Amino acid sequence: MAFITSLVLAAFAGYVGAWYFGAIEGNFALLLFLATVVTGLYWLAERFYFLPRRERAAATLEASLSERNARLAGQGITQVDTVDAKASERLLMQPWWLDWTAGLFPVILVVFLLRSFLYEPFKIPSGSMMPTLLTGDLILVNKFTYGLRLPVINTKITDGTPLARGDVVVFRYPPKPSMDYIKRVVGIPGDEVAYLNKKLTINGQPVSKTPMPDYLDSESMRLLRQFNEDLGGKQHRLLNDDAGPAFVQGASDFPYRENCRYSVEGVVCKVPAGNYFMMGDNRDNSADSRFWGFVPDKNIVGRAFFVWMNFGDLGRIGPFQ
């Protein structure tokens, strides 16, 4: 078993290494699921086979020593060779290959359940959601608000609350589902979303946008126009870059692209059933549904709601809209 376990651990290490160096496209959810299954099998084997066998061996040793001492005492021999008092303890000790598998199972199981069904941490990699979220923000995502989903395959098993306009959502990037994206829900199924001349309208109704003081982008050291937007009853800030064009450059071919009309003013899209239209709060610096299309419900991961750490600015910690 030690040899087999060495091969199993080497396979896990090889997968992680190949992922780290870019040789393969890793899947952490799958890796965690497999780790839970494998360590769980070892835990069951330890609980019902290996531990009872070691306990029987220790009990046999204790009985043998007691019988030997009683026999010698009956012969009047009281001074006998001592036997290592820790012999039973060594017999009961877990070997390394169980310590690194069955011993880790409870921790891995808790992490798997928390990450799969309750909360999952993410790191913001870019500025597409500025000023709501900044590069380097470590956020928590609620995995049950929109309904519980099976890990790895992401199949929904409970309904939950429907996505609403204004929600900040993590989802699997439609052109490459192995990647996670974060954007704000702008259009829900049936909506007609128009973003023309940098003005957002939904079903023909302009979305309220109030000017705020300019925002200094510390990464580019530029001032950007800042607004407070009321989207679905949720107040949040957004940015516009006067130097950015209104029209969409380089929109790809995507499912239901016929639902969208592009012009020099921007884009108008009718959101199909079971899909959502997403946009970043940094409106002129965000690759979103304007460029790569709608997000199907099956790609939804959860609702982002809390910054739990930013090592460069501890004042960022807290909830956000």
C-alpha atoms as a PDB file:
ATOM      1  CA  MET A   1       0.000   0.000   0.000  1.00  0.00           C
ATOM      2  CA  ALA A   2       2.885   2.369   0.656  1.00  0.00           C
ATOM      3  CA  PHE A   3       4.027   2.007  -2.973  1.00  0.00           C
ATOM      4  CA  ILE A   4       0.514   2.495  -4.355  1.00  0.00           C
ATOM      5  CA  THR A   5       0.007   5.548  -2.150  1.00  0.00           C
ATOM      6  CA  SER A   6       3.321   6.979  -3.351  1.00  0.00           C
ATOM      7  CA  LEU A   7       2.074   6.675  -6.931  1.00  0.00           C
ATOM      8  CA  VAL A   8      -1.248   8.340  -6.051  1.00  0.00           C
ATOM      9  CA  LEU A   9       0.450  11.260  -4.288  1.00  0.00           C
ATOM     10  CA  ALA A  10       2.932  11.576  -7.149  1.00  0.00           C
ATOM     11  CA  ALA A  11       0.045  11.772  -9.617  1.00  0.00           C
ATOM     12  CA  PHE A  12      -1.552  14.598  -7.631  1.00  0.00           C
ATOM     13  CA  ALA A  13       1.777  16.410  -7.372  1.00  0.00           C
ATOM     14  CA  GLY A  14       2.414  15.937 -11.091  1.00  0.00           C
ATOM     15  CA  TYR A  15      -1.013  17.355 -11.969  1.00  0.00           C
ATOM     16  CA  VAL A  16      -0.463  20.415  -9.778  1.00  0.00           C
ATOM     17  CA  GLY A  17       3.034  20.930 -11.158  1.00  0.00           C
ATOM     18  CA  ALA A  18       1.931  20.645 -14.777  1.00  0.00           C
ATOM     19  CA  TRP A  19      -0.900  23.091 -14.052  1.00  0.00           C
ATOM     20  CA  TYR A  20       1.448  25.540 -12.331  1.00  0.00           C
ATOM     21  CA  PHE A  21       3.933  25.547 -15.226  1.00  0.00           C
ATOM     22  CA  GLY A  22       1.178  25.864 -17.840  1.00  0.00           C
ATOM     23  CA  ALA A  23       1.571  22.426 -19.411  1.00  0.00           C
ATOM     24  CA  ILE A  24      -2.115  21.626 -18.806  1.00  0.00           C
ATOM     25  CA  GLU A  25      -5.287  23.556 -18.043  1.00  0.00           C
ATOM     26  CA  GLY A  26      -6.067  22.712 -14.431  1.00  0.00           C
ATOM     27  CA  ASN A  27      -9.447  22.335 -12.791  1.00  0.00           C
ATOM     28  CA  PHE A  28      -9.323  22.996  -9.048  1.00  0.00           C
ATOM     29  CA  ALA A  29     -12.907  21.819  -8.447  1.00  0.00           C
ATOM     30  CA  LEU A  30     -12.093  18.473 -10.068  1.00  0.00           C
ATOM     31  CA  LEU A  31      -8.800  18.206  -8.174  1.00  0.00           C
ATOM     32  CA  LEU A  32     -10.515  18.871  -4.841  1.00  0.00           C
ATOM     33  CA  PHE A  33     -13.293  16.382  -5.641  1.00  0.00           C
ATOM     34  CA  LEU A  34     -10.782  13.649  -6.496  1.00  0.00           C
ATOM     35  CA  ALA A  35      -8.754  14.425  -3.366  1.00  0.00           C
ATOM     36  CA  THR A  36     -11.915  14.107  -1.266  1.00  0.00           C
ATOM     37  CA  VAL A  37     -12.845  10.770  -2.856  1.00  0.00           C
ATOM     38  CA  VAL A  38      -9.349   9.274  -2.615  1.00  0.00           C
ATOM     39  CA  THR A  39      -8.687  10.368   0.984  1.00  0.00           C
ATOM     40  CA  GLY A  40     -12.225   9.275   1.885  1.00  0.00           C
ATOM     41  CA  LEU A  41     -11.530   5.765   0.618  1.00  0.00           C
ATOM     42  CA  TYR A  42      -8.319   5.657   2.650  1.00  0.00           C
ATOM     43  CA  TRP A  43     -10.219   6.926   5.708  1.00  0.00           C
ATOM     44  CA  LEU A  44     -12.804   4.149   5.358  1.00  0.00           C
ATOM     45  CA  ALA A  45     -10.045   1.566   4.910  1.00  0.00           C
ATOM     46  CA  GLU A  46      -8.272   2.910   8.001  1.00  0.00           C
ATOM     47  CA  ARG A  47     -11.463   3.023  10.073  1.00  0.00           C
ATOM     48  CA  PHE A  48     -12.721  -0.468   9.227  1.00  0.00           C
ATOM     49  CA  TYR A  49      -9.617  -2.456   8.274  1.00  0.00           C
ATOM     50  CA  PHE A  50      -6.146  -1.080   9.053  1.00  0.00           C
ATOM     51  CA  LEU A  51      -6.880   0.371  12.520  1.00  0.00           C
ATOM     52  CA  PRO A  52      -8.734  -2.772  13.775  1.00  0.00           C
ATOM     53  CA  ARG A  53      -5.855  -4.898  12.477  1.00  0.00           C
ATOM     54  CA  ARG A  54      -3.287  -2.781  14.352  1.00  0.00           C
ATOM     55  CA  GLU A  55      -5.450  -2.860  17.495  1.00  0.00           C
ATOM     56  CA  ARG A  56      -5.636  -6.671  17.301  1.00  0.00           C
ATOM     57  CA  ALA A  57      -1.851  -6.870  16.924  1.00  0.00           C
ATOM     58  CA  ALA A  58      -1.358  -4.593  19.948  1.00  0.00           C
ATOM     59  CA  ALA A  59      -3.878  -6.621  21.991  1.00  0.00           C
ATOM     60  CA  THR A  60      -2.107  -9.840  21.013  1.00  0.00           C
ATOM     61  CA  LEU A  61       1.231  -8.374  22.104  1.00  0.00           C
ATOM     62  CA  GLU A  62      -0.191  -7.233  25.455  1.00  0.00           C
ATOM     63  CA  ALA A  63      -1.775 -10.637  26.059  1.00  0.00           C
ATOM     64  CA  SER A  64       1.470 -12.424  25.157  1.00  0.00           C
ATOM     65  CA  LEU A  65       3.492 -10.265  27.548  1.00  0.00           C
ATOM     66  CA  SER A  66       0.982 -10.758  30.369  1.00  0.00           C
ATOM     67  CA  GLU A  67       1.013 -14.528  29.854  1.00  0.00           C
ATOM     68  CA  ARG A  68       4.823 -14.603  29.808  1.00  0.00           C
ATOM     69  CA  ASN A  69       5.128 -12.536  32.986  1.00  0.00           C
ATOM     70  CA  ALA A  70       2.524 -14.679  34.793  1.00  0.00           C
ATOM     71  CA  ARG A  71       4.308 -17.891  33.788  1.00  0.00           C
ATOM     72  CA  LEU A  72       7.649 -16.601  34.994  1.00  0.00           C
ATOM     73  CA  ALA A  73       6.120 -15.336  38.230  1.00  0.00           C
ATOM     74  CA  GLY A  74       4.663 -18.794  38.823  1.00  0.00           C
ATOM     75  CA  GLN A  75       8.184 -20.159  38.586  1.00  0.00           C
ATOM     76  CA  GLY A  76       9.388 -17.657  41.181  1.00  0.00           C
ATOM     77  CA  ILE A  77      11.161 -15.487  38.660  1.00  0.00           C
ATOM     78  CA  THR A  78      10.465 -11.831  39.352  1.00  0.00           C
ATOM     79  CA  GLN A  79      13.425 -10.262  37.588  1.00  0.00           C
ATOM     80  CA  VAL A  80      12.803 -10.557  33.846  1.00  0.00           C
ATOM     81  CA  ASP A  81      14.095  -8.782  30.776  1.00  0.00           C
ATOM     82  CA  THR A  82      12.048  -5.625  30.162  1.00  0.00           C
ATOM     83  CA  VAL A  83      10.180  -5.238  26.908  1.00  0.00           C
ATOM     84  CA  ASP A  84      10.008  -1.811  25.263  1.00  0.00           C
ATOM     85  CA  ALA A  85       7.003  -0.106  26.870  1.00  0.00           C
ATOM     86  CA  LYS A  86       6.292   1.724  23.622  1.00  0.00           C
ATOM     87  CA  ALA A  87       5.951  -1.432  21.536  1.00  0.00           C
ATOM     88  CA  SER A  88       2.136  -1.274  21.613  1.00  0.00           C
ATOM     89  CA  GLU A  89       2.199   2.442  20.812  1.00  0.00           C
ATOM     90  CA  ARG A  90       4.361   1.784  17.766  1.00  0.00           C
ATOM     91  CA  LEU A  91       2.000  -0.945  16.608  1.00  0.00           C
ATOM     92  CA  LEU A  92      -0.978   1.436  16.866  1.00  0.00           C
ATOM     93  CA  MET A  93       0.775   4.314  15.089  1.00  0.00           C
ATOM     94  CA  GLN A  94      -0.484   5.225  11.604  1.00  0.00           C
ATOM     95  CA  PRO A  95       2.072   4.605   8.857  1.00  0.00           C
ATOM     96  CA  TRP A  96       3.042   7.699   6.802  1.00  0.00           C
ATOM     97  CA  TRP A  97       0.917   6.704   3.817  1.00  0.00           C
ATOM     98  CA  LEU A  98      -2.246   6.684   5.962  1.00  0.00           C
ATOM     99  CA  ASP A  99      -1.244   9.863   7.762  1.00  0.00           C
ATOM    100  CA  TRP A 100      -1.016  11.679   4.402  1.00  0.00           C
ATOM    101  CA  THR A 101      -4.329  10.310   3.114  1.00  0.00           C
ATOM    102  CA  ALA A 102      -6.831   9.197   5.759  1.00  0.00           C
ATOM    103  CA  GLY A 103      -5.403  11.749   8.208  1.00  0.00           C
ATOM    104  CA  LEU A 104      -6.148  14.622   5.802  1.00  0.00           C
ATOM    105  CA  PHE A 105      -9.652  13.497   4.862  1.00  0.00           C
ATOM    106  CA  PRO A 106     -11.632  15.486   7.504  1.00  0.00           C
ATOM    107  CA  VAL A 107      -9.900  18.752   6.533  1.00  0.00           C
ATOM    108  CA  ILE A 108     -10.272  18.158   2.790  1.00  0.00           C
ATOM    109  CA  LEU A 109     -13.930  17.175   3.251  1.00  0.00           C
ATOM    110  CA  VAL A 110     -14.728  20.394   5.156  1.00  0.00           C
ATOM    111  CA  VAL A 111     -12.974  22.517   2.498  1.00  0.00           C
ATOM    112  CA  PHE A 112     -14.787  20.639  -0.279  1.00  0.00           C
ATOM    113  CA  LEU A 113     -18.227  21.125   1.282  1.00  0.00           C
ATOM    114  CA  LEU A 114     -17.643  24.792   2.127  1.00  0.00           C
ATOM    115  CA  ARG A 115     -16.263  25.600  -1.314  1.00  0.00           C
ATOM    116  CA  SER A 116     -18.856  23.601  -3.236  1.00  0.00           C
ATOM    117  CA  PHE A 117     -22.052  24.580  -1.448  1.00  0.00           C
ATOM    118  CA  LEU A 118     -21.489  27.648   0.745  1.00  0.00           C
ATOM    119  CA  TYR A 119     -18.696  30.110  -0.030  1.00  0.00           C
ATOM    120  CA  GLU A 120     -15.792  30.162  -2.454  1.00  0.00           C
ATOM    121  CA  PRO A 121     -12.883  32.636  -2.466  1.00  0.00           C
ATOM    122  CA  PHE A 122     -11.727  34.409  -5.630  1.00  0.00           C
ATOM    123  CA  LYS A 123      -9.060  36.960  -6.480  1.00  0.00           C
ATOM    124  CA  ILE A 124      -9.820  39.923  -8.722  1.00  0.00           C
ATOM    125  CA  PRO A 125      -7.219  39.764 -11.544  1.00  0.00           C
ATOM    126  CA  SER A 126      -8.019  42.961 -13.467  1.00  0.00           C
ATOM    127  CA  GLY A 127      -9.597  46.401 -13.266  1.00  0.00           C
ATOM    128  CA  SER A 128     -12.738  45.643 -15.267  1.00  0.00           C
ATOM    129  CA  MET A 129     -14.943  46.033 -12.167  1.00  0.00           C
ATOM    130  CA  MET A 130     -13.390  49.291 -10.908  1.00  0.00           C
ATOM    131  CA  PRO A 131     -14.275  51.180  -8.804  1.00  0.00           C
ATOM    132  CA  THR A 132     -16.429  48.501  -7.101  1.00  0.00           C
ATOM    133  CA  LEU A 133     -13.634  45.923  -7.072  1.00  0.00           C
ATOM    134  CA  LEU A 134      -9.923  46.543  -7.501  1.00  0.00           C
ATOM    135  CA  THR A 135      -7.091  44.372  -8.778  1.00  0.00           C
ATOM    136  CA  GLY A 136      -5.880  42.238  -5.871  1.00  0.00           C
ATOM    137  CA  ASP A 137      -9.170  42.201  -3.938  1.00  0.00           C
ATOM    138  CA  LEU A 138      -9.837  38.787  -2.396  1.00  0.00           C
ATOM    139  CA  ILE A 139     -13.573  38.226  -2.434  1.00  0.00           C
ATOM    140  CA  LEU A 140     -16.116  35.695  -1.217  1.00  0.00           C
ATOM    141  CA  VAL A 141     -18.797  34.275  -3.482  1.00  0.00           C
ATOM    142  CA  ASN A 142     -22.097  32.948  -2.149  1.00  0.00           C
ATOM    143  CA  LYS A 143     -22.694  29.530  -3.765  1.00  0.00           C
ATOM    144  CA  PHE A 144     -26.271  28.891  -2.568  1.00  0.00           C
ATOM    145  CA  THR A 145     -28.226  32.126  -3.212  1.00  0.00           C
ATOM    146  CA  TYR A 146     -28.983  31.204  -6.831  1.00  0.00           C
ATOM    147  CA  GLY A 147     -29.480  27.522  -6.037  1.00  0.00           C
ATOM    148  CA  LEU A 148     -27.125  24.723  -5.069  1.00  0.00           C
ATOM    149  CA  ARG A 149     -25.116  23.121  -7.852  1.00  0.00           C
ATOM    150  CA  LEU A 150     -23.214  19.864  -7.986  1.00  0.00           C
ATOM    151  CA  PRO A 151     -19.448  20.429  -7.931  1.00  0.00           C
ATOM    152  CA  VAL A 152     -17.395  19.915 -11.095  1.00  0.00           C
ATOM    153  CA  ILE A 153     -20.399  19.466 -13.443  1.00  0.00           C
ATOM    154  CA  ASN A 154     -22.184  22.586 -12.066  1.00  0.00           C
ATOM    155  CA  THR A 155     -25.666  21.055 -12.466  1.00  0.00           C
ATOM    156  CA  LYS A 156     -28.304  22.925 -10.457  1.00  0.00           C
ATOM    157  CA  ILE A 157     -30.106  20.818  -7.822  1.00  0.00           C
ATOM    158  CA  THR A 158     -32.166  23.549  -6.093  1.00  0.00           C
ATOM    159  CA  ASP A 159     -33.821  26.632  -7.581  1.00  0.00           C
ATOM    160  CA  GLY A 160     -32.712  29.361  -5.210  1.00  0.00           C
ATOM    161  CA  THR A 161     -33.283  33.061  -5.901  1.00  0.00           C
ATOM    162  CA  PRO A 162     -33.244  34.227  -9.546  1.00  0.00           C
ATOM    163  CA  LEU A 163     -30.424  36.492 -10.670  1.00  0.00           C
ATOM    164  CA  ALA A 164     -31.421  40.166 -10.560  1.00  0.00           C
ATOM    165  CA  ARG A 165     -30.200  43.249 -12.374  1.00  0.00           C
ATOM    166  CA  GLY A 166     -27.383  44.865 -10.436  1.00  0.00           C
ATOM    167  CA  ASP A 167     -26.037  41.634  -8.877  1.00  0.00           C
ATOM    168  CA  VAL A 168     -22.276  41.098  -9.044  1.00  0.00           C
ATOM    169  CA  VAL A 169     -21.807  37.547 -10.263  1.00  0.00           C
ATOM    170  CA  VAL A 170     -18.957  35.088 -10.823  1.00  0.00           C
ATOM    171  CA  PHE A 171     -19.509  32.787 -13.798  1.00  0.00           C
ATOM    172  CA  ARG A 172     -17.682  30.483 -16.132  1.00  0.00           C
ATOM    173  CA  TYR A 173     -16.432  32.461 -19.115  1.00  0.00           C
ATOM    174  CA  PRO A 174     -18.573  31.225 -22.055  1.00  0.00           C
ATOM    175  CA  PRO A 175     -15.770  31.087 -24.674  1.00  0.00           C
ATOM    176  CA  LYS A 176     -13.549  29.205 -22.190  1.00  0.00           C
ATOM    177  CA  PRO A 177     -15.556  27.638 -19.311  1.00  0.00           C
ATOM    178  CA  SER A 178     -12.410  26.649 -17.407  1.00  0.00           C
ATOM    179  CA  MET A 179     -11.914  30.361 -16.602  1.00  0.00           C
ATOM    180  CA  ASP A 180     -13.938  32.313 -14.030  1.00  0.00           C
ATOM    181  CA  TYR A 181     -15.127  35.855 -14.783  1.00  0.00           C
ATOM    182  CA  ILE A 182     -16.828  38.443 -12.603  1.00  0.00           C
ATOM    183  CA  LYS A 183     -19.248  41.072 -13.932  1.00  0.00           C
ATOM    184  CA  ARG A 184     -22.489  42.825 -13.040  1.00  0.00           C
ATOM    185  CA  VAL A 185     -25.862  41.534 -14.262  1.00  0.00           C
ATOM    186  CA  VAL A 186     -27.320  44.197 -16.559  1.00  0.00           C
ATOM    187  CA  GLY A 187     -29.939  42.220 -18.482  1.00  0.00           C
ATOM    188  CA  ILE A 188     -32.049  39.214 -17.473  1.00  0.00           C
ATOM    189  CA  PRO A 189     -33.957  36.887 -19.851  1.00  0.00           C
ATOM    190  CA  GLY A 190     -36.365  38.848 -22.052  1.00  0.00           C
ATOM    191  CA  ASP A 191     -34.691  42.239 -21.517  1.00  0.00           C
ATOM    192  CA  GLU A 192     -33.633  44.458 -24.387  1.00  0.00           C
ATOM    193  CA  VAL A 193     -30.353  46.021 -23.307  1.00  0.00           C
ATOM    194  CA  ALA A 194     -29.014  49.037 -25.202  1.00  0.00           C
ATOM    195  CA  TYR A 195     -25.665  50.673 -24.576  1.00  0.00           C
ATOM    196  CA  LEU A 196     -25.504  53.561 -27.003  1.00  0.00           C
ATOM    197  CA  ASN A 197     -23.179  56.540 -26.736  1.00  0.00           C
ATOM    198  CA  LYS A 198     -22.176  55.233 -23.303  1.00  0.00           C
ATOM    199  CA  LYS A 199     -25.730  55.437 -21.991  1.00  0.00           C
ATOM    200  CA  LEU A 200     -27.504  52.316 -20.716  1.00  0.00           C
ATOM    201  CA  THR A 201     -31.192  51.681 -21.314  1.00  0.00           C
ATOM    202  CA  ILE A 202     -33.182  48.563 -20.438  1.00  0.00           C
ATOM    203  CA  ASN A 203     -36.450  47.848 -22.223  1.00  0.00           C
ATOM    204  CA  GLY A 204     -36.450  51.395 -23.517  1.00  0.00           C
ATOM    205  CA  GLN A 205     -36.049  52.980 -20.058  1.00  0.00           C
ATOM    206  CA  PRO A 206     -32.825  54.930 -19.357  1.00  0.00           C
ATOM    207  CA  VAL A 207     -30.935  53.704 -16.291  1.00  0.00           C
ATOM    208  CA  SER A 208     -30.453  56.541 -13.782  1.00  0.00           C
ATOM    209  CA  LYS A 209     -26.848  57.759 -13.674  1.00  0.00           C
ATOM    210  CA  THR A 210     -25.705  60.621 -11.394  1.00  0.00           C
ATOM    211  CA  PRO A 211     -22.302  62.353 -11.899  1.00  0.00           C
ATOM    212  CA  MET A 212     -19.744  62.035  -9.098  1.00  0.00           C
ATOM    213  CA  PRO A 213     -16.222  63.455  -8.634  1.00  0.00           C
ATOM    214  CA  ASP A 214     -13.668  62.095 -11.100  1.00  0.00           C
ATOM    215  CA  TYR A 215     -11.909  58.866 -10.132  1.00  0.00           C
ATOM    216  CA  LEU A 216      -8.112  58.527 -10.183  1.00  0.00           C
ATOM    217  CA  ASP A 217      -7.050  55.209 -11.650  1.00  0.00           C
ATOM    218  CA  SER A 218      -3.864  54.504  -9.682  1.00  0.00           C
ATOM    219  CA  GLU A 219      -2.720  51.903 -12.226  1.00  0.00           C
ATOM    220  CA  SER A 220      -2.822  54.196 -15.273  1.00  0.00           C
ATOM    221  CA  MET A 221      -2.619  57.461 -13.288  1.00  0.00           C
ATOM    222  CA  ARG A 222      -5.549  58.882 -15.260  1.00  0.00           C
ATOM    223  CA  LEU A 223      -8.733  60.599 -14.184  1.00  0.00           C
ATOM    224  CA  LEU A 224     -11.903  58.813 -15.259  1.00  0.00           C
ATOM    225  CA  ARG A 225     -15.447  60.120 -15.163  1.00  0.00           C
ATOM    226  CA  GLN A 226     -17.353  58.551 -12.272  1.00  0.00           C
ATOM    227  CA  PHE A 227     -21.103  58.058 -11.896  1.00  0.00           C
ATOM    228  CA  ASN A 228     -23.524  56.579  -9.396  1.00  0.00           C
ATOM    229  CA  GLU A 229     -25.878  54.194 -11.180  1.00  0.00           C
ATOM    230  CA  ASP A 230     -29.191  52.815  -9.949  1.00  0.00           C
ATOM    231  CA  LEU A 231     -29.561  49.404 -11.541  1.00  0.00           C
ATOM    232  CA  GLY A 232     -32.388  47.218 -10.309  1.00  0.00           C
ATOM    233  CA  GLY A 233     -32.677  49.312  -7.151  1.00  0.00           C
ATOM    234  CA  LYS A 234     -28.987  48.726  -6.331  1.00  0.00           C
ATOM    235  CA  GLN A 235     -26.711  51.754  -6.083  1.00  0.00           C
ATOM    236  CA  HIS A 236     -23.192  51.320  -7.402  1.00  0.00           C
ATOM    237  CA  ARG A 237     -20.438  53.364  -8.985  1.00  0.00           C
ATOM    238  CA  LEU A 238     -19.193  53.069 -12.571  1.00  0.00           C
ATOM    239  CA  LEU A 239     -16.457  54.634 -14.666  1.00  0.00           C
ATOM    240  CA  ASN A 240     -16.362  56.077 -18.180  1.00  0.00           C
ATOM    241  CA  ASP A 241     -13.251  56.886 -20.155  1.00  0.00           C
ATOM    242  CA  ASP A 242     -13.786  59.848 -22.501  1.00  0.00           C
ATOM    243  CA  ALA A 243     -10.954  58.558 -24.684  1.00  0.00           C
ATOM    244  CA  GLY A 244     -12.721  55.249 -25.275  1.00  0.00           C
ATOM    245  CA  PRO A 245     -14.972  54.862 -28.331  1.00  0.00           C
ATOM    246  CA  ALA A 246     -18.703  54.248 -28.004  1.00  0.00           C
ATOM    247  CA  PHE A 247     -18.739  51.472 -30.594  1.00  0.00           C
ATOM    248  CA  VAL A 248     -17.790  47.882 -29.783  1.00  0.00           C
ATOM    249  CA  GLN A 249     -14.492  46.815 -31.314  1.00  0.00           C
ATOM    250  CA  GLY A 250     -13.910  43.172 -32.200  1.00  0.00           C
ATOM    251  CA  ALA A 251     -17.134  41.488 -31.119  1.00  0.00           C
ATOM    252  CA  SER A 252     -16.770  37.734 -31.579  1.00  0.00           C
ATOM    253  CA  ASP A 253     -19.179  35.216 -33.025  1.00  0.00           C
ATOM    254  CA  PHE A 254     -21.267  33.816 -30.155  1.00  0.00           C
ATOM    255  CA  PRO A 255     -24.552  31.934 -29.611  1.00  0.00           C
ATOM    256  CA  TYR A 256     -27.607  34.156 -30.234  1.00  0.00           C
ATOM    257  CA  ARG A 257     -25.458  36.842 -31.875  1.00  0.00           C
ATOM    258  CA  GLU A 258     -28.413  37.493 -34.158  1.00  0.00           C
ATOM    259  CA  ASN A 259     -30.125  38.993 -31.079  1.00  0.00           C
ATOM    260  CA  CYS A 260     -27.622  41.885 -31.133  1.00  0.00           C
ATOM    261  CA  ARG A 261     -27.356  44.930 -33.402  1.00  0.00           C
ATOM    262  CA  TYR A 262     -24.015  46.734 -33.560  1.00  0.00           C
ATOM    263  CA  SER A 263     -23.500  50.296 -34.768  1.00  0.00           C
ATOM    264  CA  VAL A 264     -21.083  53.197 -34.367  1.00  0.00           C
ATOM    265  CA  GLU A 265     -23.147  54.228 -31.328  1.00  0.00           C
ATOM    266  CA  GLY A 266     -22.774  50.925 -29.502  1.00  0.00           C
ATOM    267  CA  VAL A 267     -24.910  47.790 -29.241  1.00  0.00           C
ATOM    268  CA  VAL A 268     -28.513  46.698 -28.650  1.00  0.00           C
ATOM    269  CA  CYS A 269     -29.181  43.102 -27.529  1.00  0.00           C
ATOM    270  CA  LYS A 270     -32.288  41.066 -26.735  1.00  0.00           C
ATOM    271  CA  VAL A 271     -31.404  38.656 -23.918  1.00  0.00           C
ATOM    272  CA  PRO A 272     -32.541  35.097 -24.787  1.00  0.00           C
ATOM    273  CA  ALA A 273     -34.251  32.756 -22.322  1.00  0.00           C
ATOM    274  CA  GLY A 274     -31.894  31.140 -19.822  1.00  0.00           C
ATOM    275  CA  ASN A 275     -29.159  33.721 -20.428  1.00  0.00           C
ATOM    276  CA  TYR A 276     -27.881  36.986 -18.949  1.00  0.00           C
ATOM    277  CA  PHE A 277     -26.183  40.126 -20.232  1.00  0.00           C
ATOM    278  CA  MET A 278     -23.130  41.086 -18.147  1.00  0.00           C
ATOM    279  CA  MET A 279     -21.086  44.281 -18.046  1.00  0.00           C
ATOM    280  CA  GLY A 280     -18.133  45.526 -16.019  1.00  0.00           C
ATOM    281  CA  ASP A 281     -18.390  48.679 -13.923  1.00  0.00           C
ATOM    282  CA  ASN A 282     -15.306  50.032 -15.700  1.00  0.00           C
ATOM    283  CA  ARG A 283     -17.479  50.387 -18.782  1.00  0.00           C
ATOM    284  CA  ASP A 284     -14.836  51.389 -21.326  1.00  0.00           C
ATOM    285  CA  ASN A 285     -12.231  48.912 -20.088  1.00  0.00           C
ATOM    286  CA  SER A 286     -14.201  45.685 -19.706  1.00  0.00           C
ATOM    287  CA  ALA A 287     -14.405  42.630 -21.969  1.00  0.00           C
ATOM    288  CA  ASP A 288     -18.009  41.620 -21.323  1.00  0.00           C
ATOM    289  CA  SER A 289     -21.262  40.552 -23.014  1.00  0.00           C
ATOM    290  CA  ARG A 290     -20.894  43.329 -25.564  1.00  0.00           C
ATOM    291  CA  PHE A 291     -17.868  41.473 -26.957  1.00  0.00           C
ATOM    292  CA  TRP A 292     -18.340  37.740 -26.296  1.00  0.00           C
ATOM    293  CA  GLY A 293     -22.099  37.368 -25.803  1.00  0.00           C
ATOM    294  CA  PHE A 294     -24.575  36.107 -23.254  1.00  0.00           C
ATOM    295  CA  VAL A 295     -23.897  34.044 -20.127  1.00  0.00           C
ATOM    296  CA  PRO A 296     -26.058  30.886 -19.918  1.00  0.00           C
ATOM    297  CA  ASP A 297     -27.544  29.991 -16.539  1.00  0.00           C
ATOM    298  CA  LYS A 298     -25.509  26.756 -16.443  1.00  0.00           C
ATOM    299  CA  ASN A 299     -22.322  28.867 -16.240  1.00  0.00           C
ATOM    300  CA  ILE A 300     -23.323  30.758 -13.092  1.00  0.00           C
ATOM    301  CA  VAL A 301     -21.043  30.110 -10.085  1.00  0.00           C
ATOM    302  CA  GLY A 302     -22.457  32.451  -7.440  1.00  0.00           C
ATOM    303  CA  ARG A 303     -23.038  35.979  -6.149  1.00  0.00           C
ATOM    304  CA  ALA A 304     -20.000  38.018  -5.088  1.00  0.00           C
ATOM    305  CA  PHE A 305     -20.680  40.057  -1.972  1.00  0.00           C
ATOM    306  CA  PHE A 306     -17.661  40.576   0.309  1.00  0.00           C
ATOM    307  CA  VAL A 307     -14.009  41.644   0.112  1.00  0.00           C
ATOM    308  CA  TRP A 308     -12.287  39.622   2.819  1.00  0.00           C
ATOM    309  CA  MET A 309      -8.747  40.848   2.160  1.00  0.00           C
ATOM    310  CA  ASN A 310      -6.643  43.227   0.104  1.00  0.00           C
ATOM    311  CA  PHE A 311      -3.027  43.093   1.258  1.00  0.00           C
ATOM    312  CA  GLY A 312      -2.327  46.497  -0.245  1.00  0.00           C
ATOM    313  CA  ASP A 313      -5.290  48.250   1.372  1.00  0.00           C
ATOM    314  CA  LEU A 314      -6.924  46.743   4.465  1.00  0.00           C
ATOM    315  CA  GLY A 315      -9.595  49.435   4.291  1.00  0.00           C
ATOM    316  CA  ARG A 316     -11.091  47.568   1.323  1.00  0.00           C
ATOM    317  CA  ILE A 317     -12.349  44.766   3.599  1.00  0.00           C
ATOM    318  CA  GLY A 318     -16.136  44.684   3.814  1.00  0.00           C
ATOM    319  CA  PRO A 319     -19.343  44.090   1.817  1.00  0.00           C
ATOM    320  CA  PHE A 320     -20.026  45.735  -1.549  1.00  0.00           C
ATOM    321  CA  GLN A 321     -22.946  46.246  -3.900  1.00  0.00           C
END
